[in-house]
Each structure stands twice: as structure tokens, then as C-alpha cells.
Amino acid sequence: MFRKNKFTISLMLTLIMCLVVGTNGSFAKSVIENKLVMNDNITDKSTVMELSKTDVKLDVKDGINNLINNKAVNEPASVQPSAIEWQHLLNYQGYDYNNSKLYENTSDGGFMMGATTGDSLIWLTKIDSTGNIEWSYVYGQGNSWAVNGLSQTADNGYIVTGEINEDVFLAKFSSVGNFEWIKLFGGDKSDNGNDVIQTTGGGYFIIGTSKSYGDGHYEPLLIKTDSTGNIQWGTTLTTTTRDEFGLQTMLEPSTGNIIVRTHSTELSNDQTKLLKISNTGNLIQSKIHNDIMNGIVEHMELTSDGGFIMSGRDSEYENGEYVCKMSIAKLDSSFNSSWKKNIFVNGYDSYQDASYVSQTNDGGYAITGTASYYDSAASKSLYDIALIKVNSSGNTEWIQTYNISDVDYPSYVYQTSDSGYVLGGKIAPSGGSDIFIFKLN
């Protein structure tokens, strides 16, 4: 299944794609004509599992030295965030892993982080708005877990999804990290949950990937439950010629409709599928974007105008080679493309990837991603954190890079109410990986 080596596999595929995929600058679109058909075989499995919590004695390294890196060519320093307000580098055991769906801005102005520990446990950490760690627990000893998505719930608790023993799990925790309940879903093959939200009415919606209910391909798995995790309906998006993965979900605030994003690849062409679904499983709208970035869409967010902003990577042919650039694309509320911008951080090599984008207080966007370069003295490629601010039209205002270790993988950025920025992700030095989070004012 997809656990600690997931980023490595993704990175290898990306480097191959950058060599073979060209760019035509067009957004090919088509409408999914088939309606969602419910699958009564998708049911919850009986379980009496209890998740005891263990207080984590964190290996907290507050001294992230030399964080700001002047390697990048930047806009005037007067508009760049420079002072570090607080910072943490967290390690539980070995290769700890998290992703962009495992950071949540909480209702009290703080942050929730989820992760899979090096020994495959669930790891949750709550941080307040000033950077103090309120609590941190691991759960699930005796089983092998992969934690993929989390959201805060209306009662200020947390809902978490992922995979256990090739089944989807849905687990509820209180605001102080106490385990409340768990449900399992899946068939006789590989199934996993990738993202989860709370829906109107207090239920939950999981987007994941399944190999149990189709013809042997991986297919997007959609599950809707009530407030205690009992399944109300479930379905898969049928695919017959290629694997397709259910990646992300969000709630449309104005309507309560569910937004779904999937990804597939056919003949080296990346395809992003977007769906708008009602609480009861009716398909309202759909759109397919072929090669919207000539590469992989990493993240999508709702915007204040009711549309969406995407981040990822694109490839452009320059000076006899394909160059992977950070890319963002703006969509309207009907999933139509409005504009697209590619961004290259000067001073770095041809692999760059925008892993996360979020809207800022002024209506623009904050982007974080990875920028690589080859260190001839060390005889290896190094990966730095890039933070980019663009305006509401996607034009770059400033760029700053940061360095914690030889290999830094940012996966989250958020502008706080005081106009600072919080960034999170993981570092992967030799011999393990740690989770980082820091605040810039």
C-alpha cells in the first residue's frame, strides 16, 4: 500500500514525466455523462476495536538553524516574511510521514497535524496559535496504519481517515485527543481512505481508492456516513482502461455540496476529474481536465469567489530540455479554467513542484513547494522549501526559500490573521524523517 515510500515513488514518476511530457498550453475538457450508481456491496465492517492513546515524548528540536536561504533570486526584502516567530521539528520514530491533507487550521486559531509514525501508528498533535504544543498522542498499537486525511468537526473534535490492513478506516477523536469511535469499510482487495470532511447534517464523506469493487483497476471510492460513521451510501467511479485515484474532497460553503478531485494517467497524459455531488449522492456537475498542468495537480482549495485554486507542476521545453516548474491554475465555480501561471524559482534546477496553495487575506495566494539543485561538492541533489506570494491574478509578488536539511518536502502553507505564514511538511535526512512546522511573522 501507499505508506512511507509514497513521496519517493511520486518523485520518481515526476522526474520521468518531466523528460517525456511536452506542453501544448491547452485545457481539454469533457463532461462525465454517466450518473453515480450506488453500490450496496460497500458496507461497514463489524469491529470492536478500541484505540488507546499514548502520550508522545516528542523529540522537539526548536533550533532550526539557518532557516532562511538566500539562494533564490528574490523580490525586495522589505515585502518578504523574514522573522521566525516559532518553530518545531518533531520526531516519533524513524520515518514519520505526513501530507497536505494532514494539516488543519482549527477554530481556536491553532493547528492540528496528523501523521503516520515510522512504526505505522496514528499520530495526532495539537498546536495553539502561539506555537505551543497542547497535546500529542499516538494510537493503534498492534496494528499497521496509514493516516491520509483529517478534518476538524463541529464539536471541535477531529475525524481521521486512512488505511488499516487494506481497509478504509474512519476514526473520531475529541477536542483533547480522546478516542471516541472507529468504523472500517472495504472489500476483499485493497481499499484506502485519502481525505475526509464533515458534511451538512453532521455526517462524514470519505474520498479514497478501491480495488475491491471493479474489474481489477484502482477506482475512486466515495463513502457517505451519518454522524456516528454508519454508512448511508457508497459508490466507485468506474474505470476500465487505467487506474484512477480519489484524492481530495471539500465542502462547498454556499450549497453544502461535496466537491471531489481524482487523478489518472493514460499514455503519459495526466487527467484531473472534478465532481460536485449532493449529500444524497446525486451527481450535480462534473468536468475532466486533461493535462491542466502537463503534470500532477497536488492540491486544490476553495476561493472566496466560489471558485477553486490548484497547485502542482508543469513542464515546459526550454533550451533543449523539459523543465518542471511550479504551477497554479484558477477555476470558476463550474470548474472552468480562468487562468494558469507557471513559476520558476531562479537559482534552482529543473525540478520544481508546488505542493500546496491557499488564499491570502488580500485575495492573493500563498504557494509552497520544493525547489531542487545539484550540490557538486556533496555529489547529490538537495531540496529546499520555497514560499511564493502571488496576487489575485497569479502574478508573482515575492519568493523566498528556506532550508532545514538536505531534503525538505513542504506540504502546507496558511496565512494567519496577523498576516504571517505557517508552513509545515517533512524533512528526510539520511536515516529517518521528521515533521516540521514553523511560523513567520
Foldseek 3Di string as FASTA:
>chain_A
DDALCNVVVVVVVQVVLLFPFADDPDWDKDWDDDWFDFDPVWFWDDDPDDKDKDFAPWPWDFPLPQWFDPLFDKDDPVPDFDDFQTKTWTARDFAKFAFQQQWEQFPQRWIKGWIQHPQQWTKIWTAHNSGHTPTIITIDPPWHWHWAHKYQFPQRWMWTWWDTPQWIKIWTAHNNGHTDDMITIAADHHWTFHYKDQFPQQKMKTWWWHQGPADRAIWIKIFIGHNRRGTDTIGTDDDDPWHKTWHDWDAQVVQRWIKTWMWTADPLKIKIKIFTAHNNRTTDTIMITIPPASFDWQDKDAAPQQWIKIWWWHWHQDPHGIAIFIKMWTAHNRRHTDDMDTDDTPSFGRDKIFNDWDAFPQQWIKTKTWTWHADVVVRGIFIWIKIWTAGNRRHTDIIIITDRDRYWGWRDWDQGPVRKIKTWGWGQDPRRMIIMIIIGD
